[in-house]
Amino acid sequence: MEEVIIKEPICEVKTVGYRDEIQYKANDGTIFPTKLRAEDHEKRVVYKEKIDKIKHFKTTYEYFDVYTWYFPANEEEFELVKNEIGFYEKDFDKTFNGELKINEWMGSCISDHGDSFGYDCDIYTLTHIKEEFNKFLKEFEGEKNVQI
């Protein structure tokens, strides 16, 4: 991926009533009360632009959790995806299903299940799902009256 340079937020003074107020404008025009918040916003925008360029899609089947799937093509994309799917989150209760690799579809579902015990993060690879599905189908082999 190309190197992205984050521009400094623009500092402006705006008169509000009888006083002057310092504001910081991010490159997209969003106004913030502090330079730090404007810089954090810029970093999130750049991060989102990088993530959006990686091959990905969402599964949105009725009755199932929504999973976002990514296909990282190089080391930089791989690290971005691991961050995005919750791999580095310390406060998540994680379940890993398959080995994460470059050039491998990987996805996750992050949910709180409506409880107050924190977030669950299920991370899968497509290879793992295929292996598990094939095991499941083999359980039906030899069973009578089962059509696959």
N, C-alpha and C. Protein backbone atom coordinates (compact mmCIF):
# COMPACT_ATOMS: atom_id res chain seq x y z
N MET A 1 0.84 -1.18 0.00
CA MET A 1 0.00 0.00 0.00
C MET A 1 0.88 1.24 0.00
N GLU A 2 0.31 2.29 -0.56
CA GLU A 2 1.08 3.53 -0.63
C GLU A 2 1.16 4.18 0.75
N GLU A 3 2.20 4.98 0.92
CA GLU A 3 2.37 5.70 2.18
C GLU A 3 1.38 6.85 2.22
N VAL A 4 0.69 6.98 3.34
CA VAL A 4 -0.29 8.04 3.50
C VAL A 4 0.25 9.05 4.50
N ILE A 5 0.21 10.31 4.11
CA ILE A 5 0.69 11.37 5.00
C ILE A 5 -0.53 12.04 5.62
N ILE A 6 -0.56 12.07 6.94
CA ILE A 6 -1.66 12.70 7.65
C ILE A 6 -1.33 14.18 7.80
N LYS A 7 -2.21 15.02 7.27
CA LYS A 7 -1.99 16.47 7.32
C LYS A 7 -2.35 17.02 8.69
N GLU A 8 -1.70 18.09 9.05
CA GLU A 8 -2.00 18.78 10.31
C GLU A 8 -3.41 19.37 10.24
N PRO A 9 -4.18 19.28 11.32
CA PRO A 9 -5.48 19.95 11.33
C PRO A 9 -5.27 21.46 11.26
N ILE A 10 -6.22 22.15 10.68
CA ILE A 10 -6.14 23.60 10.55
C ILE A 10 -6.72 24.25 11.81
N CYS A 11 -5.95 25.15 12.40
CA CYS A 11 -6.39 25.86 13.60
C CYS A 11 -7.12 27.13 13.17
N GLU A 12 -8.32 27.30 13.69
CA GLU A 12 -9.11 28.48 13.37
C GLU A 12 -9.61 29.11 14.67
N VAL A 13 -9.81 30.41 14.63
CA VAL A 13 -10.42 31.11 15.75
C VAL A 13 -11.79 31.58 15.29
N LYS A 14 -12.80 31.21 16.05
CA LYS A 14 -14.18 31.56 15.71
C LYS A 14 -14.78 32.34 16.86
N THR A 15 -15.44 33.43 16.55
CA THR A 15 -16.09 34.23 17.58
C THR A 15 -17.46 33.63 17.88
N VAL A 16 -17.65 33.27 19.15
CA VAL A 16 -18.92 32.72 19.61
C VAL A 16 -19.44 33.66 20.68
N GLY A 17 -20.49 34.38 20.34
CA GLY A 17 -21.00 35.39 21.28
C GLY A 17 -19.98 36.50 21.44
N TYR A 18 -19.49 36.66 22.68
CA TYR A 18 -18.52 37.71 22.98
C TYR A 18 -17.10 37.17 23.15
N ARG A 19 -16.90 35.92 22.86
CA ARG A 19 -15.55 35.36 23.07
C ARG A 19 -15.06 34.63 21.82
N ASP A 20 -13.77 34.51 21.75
CA ASP A 20 -13.14 33.76 20.66
C ASP A 20 -12.92 32.32 21.11
N GLU A 21 -13.16 31.42 20.19
CA GLU A 21 -13.02 29.99 20.47
C GLU A 21 -12.06 29.38 19.46
N ILE A 22 -11.09 28.62 19.95
CA ILE A 22 -10.15 27.94 19.05
C ILE A 22 -10.77 26.62 18.62
N GLN A 23 -10.72 26.36 17.31
CA GLN A 23 -11.24 25.12 16.74
C GLN A 23 -10.19 24.52 15.82
N TYR A 24 -10.26 23.22 15.67
CA TYR A 24 -9.36 22.53 14.76
C TYR A 24 -10.20 21.81 13.72
N LYS A 25 -9.88 22.10 12.45
CA LYS A 25 -10.62 21.51 11.35
C LYS A 25 -9.79 20.39 10.72
N ALA A 26 -10.40 19.20 10.67
CA ALA A 26 -9.76 18.06 10.01
C ALA A 26 -9.86 18.24 8.49
N ASN A 27 -9.15 17.43 7.76
CA ASN A 27 -9.12 17.55 6.30
C ASN A 27 -10.48 17.34 5.65
N ASP A 28 -11.38 16.60 6.32
CA ASP A 28 -12.71 16.39 5.77
C ASP A 28 -13.70 17.46 6.20
N GLY A 29 -13.21 18.49 6.92
CA GLY A 29 -14.05 19.60 7.33
C GLY A 29 -14.68 19.46 8.70
N THR A 30 -14.51 18.30 9.34
CA THR A 30 -15.06 18.10 10.68
C THR A 30 -14.32 18.98 11.68
N ILE A 31 -15.07 19.64 12.54
CA ILE A 31 -14.50 20.57 13.53
C ILE A 31 -14.36 19.87 14.89
N PHE A 32 -13.23 20.13 15.56
CA PHE A 32 -12.96 19.56 16.88
C PHE A 32 -12.48 20.65 17.83
N PRO A 33 -12.74 20.47 19.14
CA PRO A 33 -12.32 21.48 20.11
C PRO A 33 -10.82 21.42 20.44
N THR A 34 -10.18 20.27 20.16
CA THR A 34 -8.75 20.14 20.47
C THR A 34 -7.99 19.57 19.27
N LYS A 35 -6.73 19.87 19.21
CA LYS A 35 -5.87 19.36 18.14
C LYS A 35 -5.77 17.84 18.22
N LEU A 36 -5.66 17.30 19.43
CA LEU A 36 -5.53 15.86 19.62
C LEU A 36 -6.74 15.11 19.06
N ARG A 37 -7.94 15.62 19.32
CA ARG A 37 -9.13 14.96 18.79
C ARG A 37 -9.17 15.02 17.26
N ALA A 38 -8.75 16.12 16.70
CA ALA A 38 -8.71 16.25 15.24
C ALA A 38 -7.70 15.28 14.64
N GLU A 39 -6.54 15.16 15.28
CA GLU A 39 -5.51 14.22 14.80
C GLU A 39 -5.99 12.78 14.92
N ASP A 40 -6.67 12.44 16.02
CA ASP A 40 -7.22 11.08 16.17
C ASP A 40 -8.23 10.79 15.08
N HIS A 41 -9.06 11.77 14.76
CA HIS A 41 -10.04 11.63 13.69
C HIS A 41 -9.33 11.35 12.36
N GLU A 42 -8.28 12.12 12.07
CA GLU A 42 -7.53 11.93 10.82
C GLU A 42 -6.96 10.51 10.74
N LYS A 43 -6.42 10.02 11.84
CA LYS A 43 -5.85 8.66 11.86
C LYS A 43 -6.93 7.62 11.59
N ARG A 44 -8.13 7.80 12.18
CA ARG A 44 -9.23 6.86 11.95
C ARG A 44 -9.67 6.89 10.49
N VAL A 45 -9.70 8.08 9.89
CA VAL A 45 -10.10 8.20 8.48
C VAL A 45 -9.10 7.46 7.59
N VAL A 46 -7.82 7.67 7.83
CA VAL A 46 -6.78 7.00 7.04
C VAL A 46 -6.86 5.48 7.22
N TYR A 47 -7.04 5.04 8.46
CA TYR A 47 -7.16 3.61 8.76
C TYR A 47 -8.35 3.02 8.00
N LYS A 48 -9.50 3.68 8.05
CA LYS A 48 -10.68 3.18 7.37
C LYS A 48 -10.45 3.11 5.86
N GLU A 49 -9.78 4.11 5.30
CA GLU A 49 -9.50 4.08 3.86
C GLU A 49 -8.63 2.88 3.50
N LYS A 50 -7.64 2.58 4.35
CA LYS A 50 -6.78 1.42 4.09
C LYS A 50 -7.56 0.12 4.19
N ILE A 51 -8.37 -0.03 5.23
CA ILE A 51 -9.17 -1.25 5.42
C ILE A 51 -10.14 -1.43 4.26
N ASP A 52 -10.77 -0.35 3.82
CA ASP A 52 -11.75 -0.44 2.74
C ASP A 52 -11.14 -0.86 1.41
N LYS A 53 -9.83 -0.69 1.24
CA LYS A 53 -9.17 -1.09 0.00
C LYS A 53 -8.85 -2.59 -0.03
N ILE A 54 -8.91 -3.24 1.13
CA ILE A 54 -8.63 -4.67 1.20
C ILE A 54 -9.87 -5.43 0.74
N LYS A 55 -9.67 -6.47 -0.05
CA LYS A 55 -10.77 -7.29 -0.54
C LYS A 55 -11.56 -7.81 0.67
N HIS A 56 -12.88 -7.52 0.71
CA HIS A 56 -13.69 -7.93 1.85
C HIS A 56 -15.18 -7.96 1.49
N PHE A 57 -15.97 -8.59 2.35
CA PHE A 57 -17.43 -8.58 2.24
C PHE A 57 -18.02 -8.98 3.58
N LYS A 58 -19.33 -8.75 3.71
CA LYS A 58 -20.04 -9.14 4.94
C LYS A 58 -21.05 -10.22 4.62
N THR A 59 -21.17 -11.18 5.52
CA THR A 59 -22.24 -12.16 5.40
C THR A 59 -23.38 -11.65 6.26
N THR A 60 -24.56 -11.58 5.68
CA THR A 60 -25.71 -11.04 6.39
C THR A 60 -26.90 -11.96 6.25
N TYR A 61 -26.73 -13.19 6.67
CA TYR A 61 -27.81 -14.16 6.57
C TYR A 61 -28.77 -14.00 7.75
N GLU A 62 -30.04 -14.16 7.46
CA GLU A 62 -31.04 -14.07 8.52
C GLU A 62 -30.78 -15.19 9.53
N TYR A 63 -30.94 -14.91 10.81
CA TYR A 63 -30.76 -15.85 11.92
C TYR A 63 -29.30 -16.12 12.26
N PHE A 64 -28.37 -15.49 11.59
CA PHE A 64 -26.95 -15.70 11.89
C PHE A 64 -26.30 -14.37 12.26
N ASP A 65 -25.22 -14.45 13.01
CA ASP A 65 -24.44 -13.26 13.30
C ASP A 65 -23.83 -12.72 12.01
N VAL A 66 -23.56 -11.44 11.98
CA VAL A 66 -22.93 -10.82 10.81
C VAL A 66 -21.41 -10.98 10.94
N TYR A 67 -20.81 -11.58 9.94
CA TYR A 67 -19.37 -11.74 9.89
C TYR A 67 -18.82 -10.84 8.80
N THR A 68 -17.69 -10.21 9.07
CA THR A 68 -16.98 -9.47 8.04
C THR A 68 -15.77 -10.31 7.67
N TRP A 69 -15.60 -10.55 6.36
CA TRP A 69 -14.54 -11.40 5.84
C TRP A 69 -13.53 -10.56 5.06
N TYR A 70 -12.25 -10.86 5.26
CA TYR A 70 -11.17 -10.13 4.59
C TYR A 70 -10.21 -11.13 3.94
N PHE A 71 -9.56 -10.66 2.87
CA PHE A 71 -8.56 -11.46 2.16
C PHE A 71 -7.29 -10.61 2.05
N PRO A 72 -6.43 -10.64 3.08
CA PRO A 72 -5.20 -9.83 3.03
C PRO A 72 -4.20 -10.40 2.04
N ALA A 73 -3.66 -9.55 1.18
CA ALA A 73 -2.75 -10.00 0.12
C ALA A 73 -1.28 -9.80 0.45
N ASN A 74 -0.98 -9.06 1.54
CA ASN A 74 0.42 -8.84 1.91
C ASN A 74 0.51 -8.62 3.43
N GLU A 75 1.72 -8.46 3.93
CA GLU A 75 1.94 -8.34 5.38
C GLU A 75 1.24 -7.11 5.98
N GLU A 76 1.28 -5.98 5.29
CA GLU A 76 0.62 -4.78 5.82
C GLU A 76 -0.89 -4.99 5.93
N GLU A 77 -1.49 -5.54 4.88
CA GLU A 77 -2.93 -5.81 4.92
C GLU A 77 -3.25 -6.85 6.00
N PHE A 78 -2.39 -7.84 6.15
CA PHE A 78 -2.58 -8.88 7.16
C PHE A 78 -2.65 -8.27 8.56
N GLU A 79 -1.73 -7.37 8.88
CA GLU A 79 -1.72 -6.72 10.19
C GLU A 79 -2.95 -5.82 10.38
N LEU A 80 -3.33 -5.09 9.33
CA LEU A 80 -4.54 -4.26 9.41
C LEU A 80 -5.78 -5.12 9.67
N VAL A 81 -5.88 -6.24 8.97
CA VAL A 81 -7.04 -7.12 9.13
C VAL A 81 -7.06 -7.73 10.53
N LYS A 82 -5.91 -8.19 11.01
CA LYS A 82 -5.88 -8.75 12.37
C LYS A 82 -6.36 -7.72 13.38
N ASN A 83 -5.96 -6.49 13.20
CA ASN A 83 -6.42 -5.42 14.09
C ASN A 83 -7.93 -5.22 13.95
N GLU A 84 -8.41 -5.21 12.73
CA GLU A 84 -9.83 -4.96 12.46
C GLU A 84 -10.74 -6.06 12.99
N ILE A 85 -10.32 -7.30 12.92
CA ILE A 85 -11.19 -8.41 13.34
C ILE A 85 -11.10 -8.71 14.84
N GLY A 86 -10.34 -7.93 15.58
CA GLY A 86 -10.30 -8.09 17.03
C GLY A 86 -9.16 -8.94 17.56
N PHE A 87 -8.23 -9.32 16.71
CA PHE A 87 -7.12 -10.19 17.10
C PHE A 87 -6.31 -9.62 18.26
N TYR A 88 -6.09 -8.31 18.27
CA TYR A 88 -5.24 -7.69 19.29
C TYR A 88 -6.01 -7.14 20.49
N GLU A 89 -7.33 -7.23 20.48
CA GLU A 89 -8.13 -6.68 21.58
C GLU A 89 -7.90 -7.48 22.86
N LYS A 90 -7.50 -6.80 23.91
CA LYS A 90 -7.23 -7.46 25.18
C LYS A 90 -8.50 -7.74 25.96
N ASP A 91 -9.54 -6.94 25.76
CA ASP A 91 -10.76 -7.08 26.55
C ASP A 91 -11.78 -8.03 25.93
N PHE A 92 -11.46 -8.64 24.80
CA PHE A 92 -12.39 -9.54 24.15
C PHE A 92 -12.11 -10.98 24.58
N ASP A 93 -13.18 -11.76 24.74
CA ASP A 93 -13.06 -13.20 24.94
C ASP A 93 -13.02 -13.80 23.54
N LYS A 94 -11.84 -14.26 23.11
CA LYS A 94 -11.64 -14.67 21.72
C LYS A 94 -11.71 -16.19 21.54
N THR A 95 -12.24 -16.59 20.39
CA THR A 95 -12.22 -17.98 19.96
C THR A 95 -11.59 -17.99 18.58
N PHE A 96 -10.49 -18.75 18.43
CA PHE A 96 -9.81 -18.84 17.14
C PHE A 96 -10.17 -20.17 16.49
N ASN A 97 -10.51 -20.11 15.22
CA ASN A 97 -10.89 -21.29 14.46
C ASN A 97 -10.13 -21.29 13.15
N GLY A 98 -8.94 -21.87 13.16
CA GLY A 98 -8.09 -21.90 11.98
C GLY A 98 -6.89 -21.00 12.16
N GLU A 99 -5.87 -21.26 11.35
CA GLU A 99 -4.63 -20.46 11.40
C GLU A 99 -4.75 -19.27 10.46
N LEU A 100 -4.51 -18.08 10.99
CA LEU A 100 -4.60 -16.87 10.17
C LEU A 100 -3.35 -16.74 9.31
N LYS A 101 -3.56 -16.50 8.00
CA LYS A 101 -2.45 -16.40 7.05
C LYS A 101 -2.75 -15.35 5.99
N ILE A 102 -1.69 -14.88 5.36
CA ILE A 102 -1.83 -14.01 4.19
C ILE A 102 -2.42 -14.86 3.06
N ASN A 103 -3.21 -14.24 2.20
CA ASN A 103 -3.88 -14.92 1.08
C ASN A 103 -4.83 -16.01 1.55
N GLU A 104 -5.51 -15.76 2.63
CA GLU A 104 -6.50 -16.68 3.19
C GLU A 104 -7.69 -15.85 3.65
N TRP A 105 -8.90 -16.26 3.30
CA TRP A 105 -10.08 -15.56 3.79
C TRP A 105 -10.17 -15.75 5.30
N MET A 106 -10.37 -14.64 6.02
CA MET A 106 -10.56 -14.71 7.46
C MET A 106 -11.66 -13.74 7.84
N GLY A 107 -12.42 -14.14 8.85
CA GLY A 107 -13.52 -13.29 9.26
C GLY A 107 -13.76 -13.35 10.74
N SER A 108 -14.55 -12.40 11.22
CA SER A 108 -14.87 -12.41 12.64
C SER A 108 -16.24 -11.82 12.88
N CYS A 109 -16.76 -12.16 14.03
CA CYS A 109 -18.00 -11.60 14.53
C CYS A 109 -17.73 -11.15 15.95
N ILE A 110 -17.93 -9.88 16.22
CA ILE A 110 -17.73 -9.34 17.56
C ILE A 110 -19.11 -9.00 18.11
N SER A 111 -19.45 -9.56 19.26
CA SER A 111 -20.77 -9.32 19.83
C SER A 111 -20.72 -9.28 21.34
N ASP A 112 -21.74 -8.66 21.92
CA ASP A 112 -21.81 -8.61 23.38
C ASP A 112 -22.95 -9.47 23.91
N HIS A 113 -23.75 -10.04 23.05
CA HIS A 113 -24.85 -10.94 23.40
C HIS A 113 -25.81 -10.32 24.41
N GLY A 114 -25.79 -9.00 24.55
CA GLY A 114 -26.72 -8.33 25.43
C GLY A 114 -26.43 -8.49 26.91
N ASP A 115 -25.28 -9.04 27.24
CA ASP A 115 -24.96 -9.18 28.66
C ASP A 115 -23.92 -8.14 29.07
N SER A 116 -23.55 -8.17 30.31
CA SER A 116 -22.57 -7.18 30.80
C SER A 116 -21.21 -7.80 31.04
N PHE A 117 -20.95 -8.93 30.41
CA PHE A 117 -19.69 -9.64 30.65
C PHE A 117 -18.63 -9.35 29.61
N GLY A 118 -18.82 -8.33 28.80
CA GLY A 118 -17.82 -7.98 27.80
C GLY A 118 -18.16 -8.52 26.43
N TYR A 119 -17.19 -8.44 25.55
CA TYR A 119 -17.40 -8.83 24.17
C TYR A 119 -16.83 -10.22 23.88
N ASP A 120 -17.52 -10.92 22.98
CA ASP A 120 -17.02 -12.18 22.45
C ASP A 120 -16.55 -11.91 21.03
N CYS A 121 -15.47 -12.53 20.66
CA CYS A 121 -14.91 -12.35 19.32
C CYS A 121 -14.60 -13.72 18.75
N ASP A 122 -15.38 -14.15 17.75
CA ASP A 122 -15.14 -15.42 17.07
C ASP A 122 -14.42 -15.14 15.77
N ILE A 123 -13.23 -15.73 15.62
CA ILE A 123 -12.41 -15.51 14.43
C ILE A 123 -12.29 -16.83 13.68
N TYR A 124 -12.61 -16.81 12.39
CA TYR A 124 -12.59 -18.01 11.56
C TYR A 124 -11.76 -17.80 10.31
N THR A 125 -11.30 -18.92 9.74
CA THR A 125 -10.75 -18.89 8.38
C THR A 125 -11.68 -19.73 7.51
N LEU A 126 -11.72 -19.41 6.23
CA LEU A 126 -12.57 -20.17 5.32
C LEU A 126 -12.10 -21.62 5.25
N THR A 127 -10.80 -21.84 5.30
CA THR A 127 -10.26 -23.21 5.26
C THR A 127 -10.81 -24.02 6.43
N HIS A 128 -10.84 -23.43 7.62
CA HIS A 128 -11.36 -24.13 8.79
C HIS A 128 -12.84 -24.48 8.61
N ILE A 129 -13.61 -23.55 8.10
CA ILE A 129 -15.04 -23.80 7.89
C ILE A 129 -15.25 -24.94 6.90
N LYS A 130 -14.46 -24.95 5.82
CA LYS A 130 -14.57 -26.04 4.83
C LYS A 130 -14.25 -27.38 5.48
N GLU A 131 -13.17 -27.43 6.28
CA GLU A 131 -12.78 -28.68 6.96
C GLU A 131 -13.88 -29.16 7.90
N GLU A 132 -14.45 -28.25 8.68
CA GLU A 132 -15.51 -28.62 9.62
C GLU A 132 -16.76 -29.06 8.88
N PHE A 133 -17.09 -28.41 7.77
CA PHE A 133 -18.27 -28.78 7.01
C PHE A 133 -18.09 -30.18 6.40
N ASN A 134 -16.89 -30.46 5.89
CA ASN A 134 -16.63 -31.79 5.33
C ASN A 134 -16.73 -32.87 6.39
N LYS A 135 -16.26 -32.59 7.62
CA LYS A 135 -16.41 -33.55 8.72
C LYS A 135 -17.89 -33.78 9.01
N PHE A 136 -18.65 -32.71 9.01
CA PHE A 136 -20.09 -32.79 9.26
C PHE A 136 -20.77 -33.67 8.21
N LEU A 137 -20.43 -33.46 6.93
CA LEU A 137 -21.03 -34.26 5.86
C LEU A 137 -20.66 -35.73 5.99
N LYS A 138 -19.44 -36.02 6.40
CA LYS A 138 -19.00 -37.42 6.54
C LYS A 138 -19.78 -38.15 7.63
N GLU A 139 -20.28 -37.42 8.61
CA GLU A 139 -21.09 -38.04 9.65
C GLU A 139 -22.37 -38.63 9.08
N PHE A 140 -22.84 -38.11 7.94
CA PHE A 140 -24.05 -38.61 7.32
C PHE A 140 -23.79 -39.78 6.36
N GLU A 141 -22.54 -39.99 5.99
CA GLU A 141 -22.23 -41.08 5.07
C GLU A 141 -22.63 -42.40 5.73
N GLY A 142 -23.27 -43.23 4.98
CA GLY A 142 -23.70 -44.51 5.50
C GLY A 142 -25.05 -44.46 6.18
N GLU A 143 -25.56 -43.28 6.47
CA GLU A 143 -26.88 -43.18 7.08
C GLU A 143 -27.93 -43.36 5.99
N LYS A 144 -28.92 -44.16 6.27
CA LYS A 144 -30.01 -44.36 5.30
C LYS A 144 -31.03 -43.24 5.45
N ASN A 145 -31.71 -42.95 4.41
CA ASN A 145 -32.78 -41.94 4.38
C ASN A 145 -32.25 -40.50 4.56
N VAL A 146 -30.97 -40.27 4.33
CA VAL A 146 -30.43 -38.92 4.42
C VAL A 146 -29.97 -38.53 3.03
N GLN A 147 -30.51 -37.45 2.52
CA GLN A 147 -30.08 -36.97 1.21
C GLN A 147 -29.21 -35.75 1.40
N ILE A 148 -28.08 -35.76 0.72
CA ILE A 148 -27.13 -34.62 0.81
C ILE A 148 -27.09 -33.95 -0.54
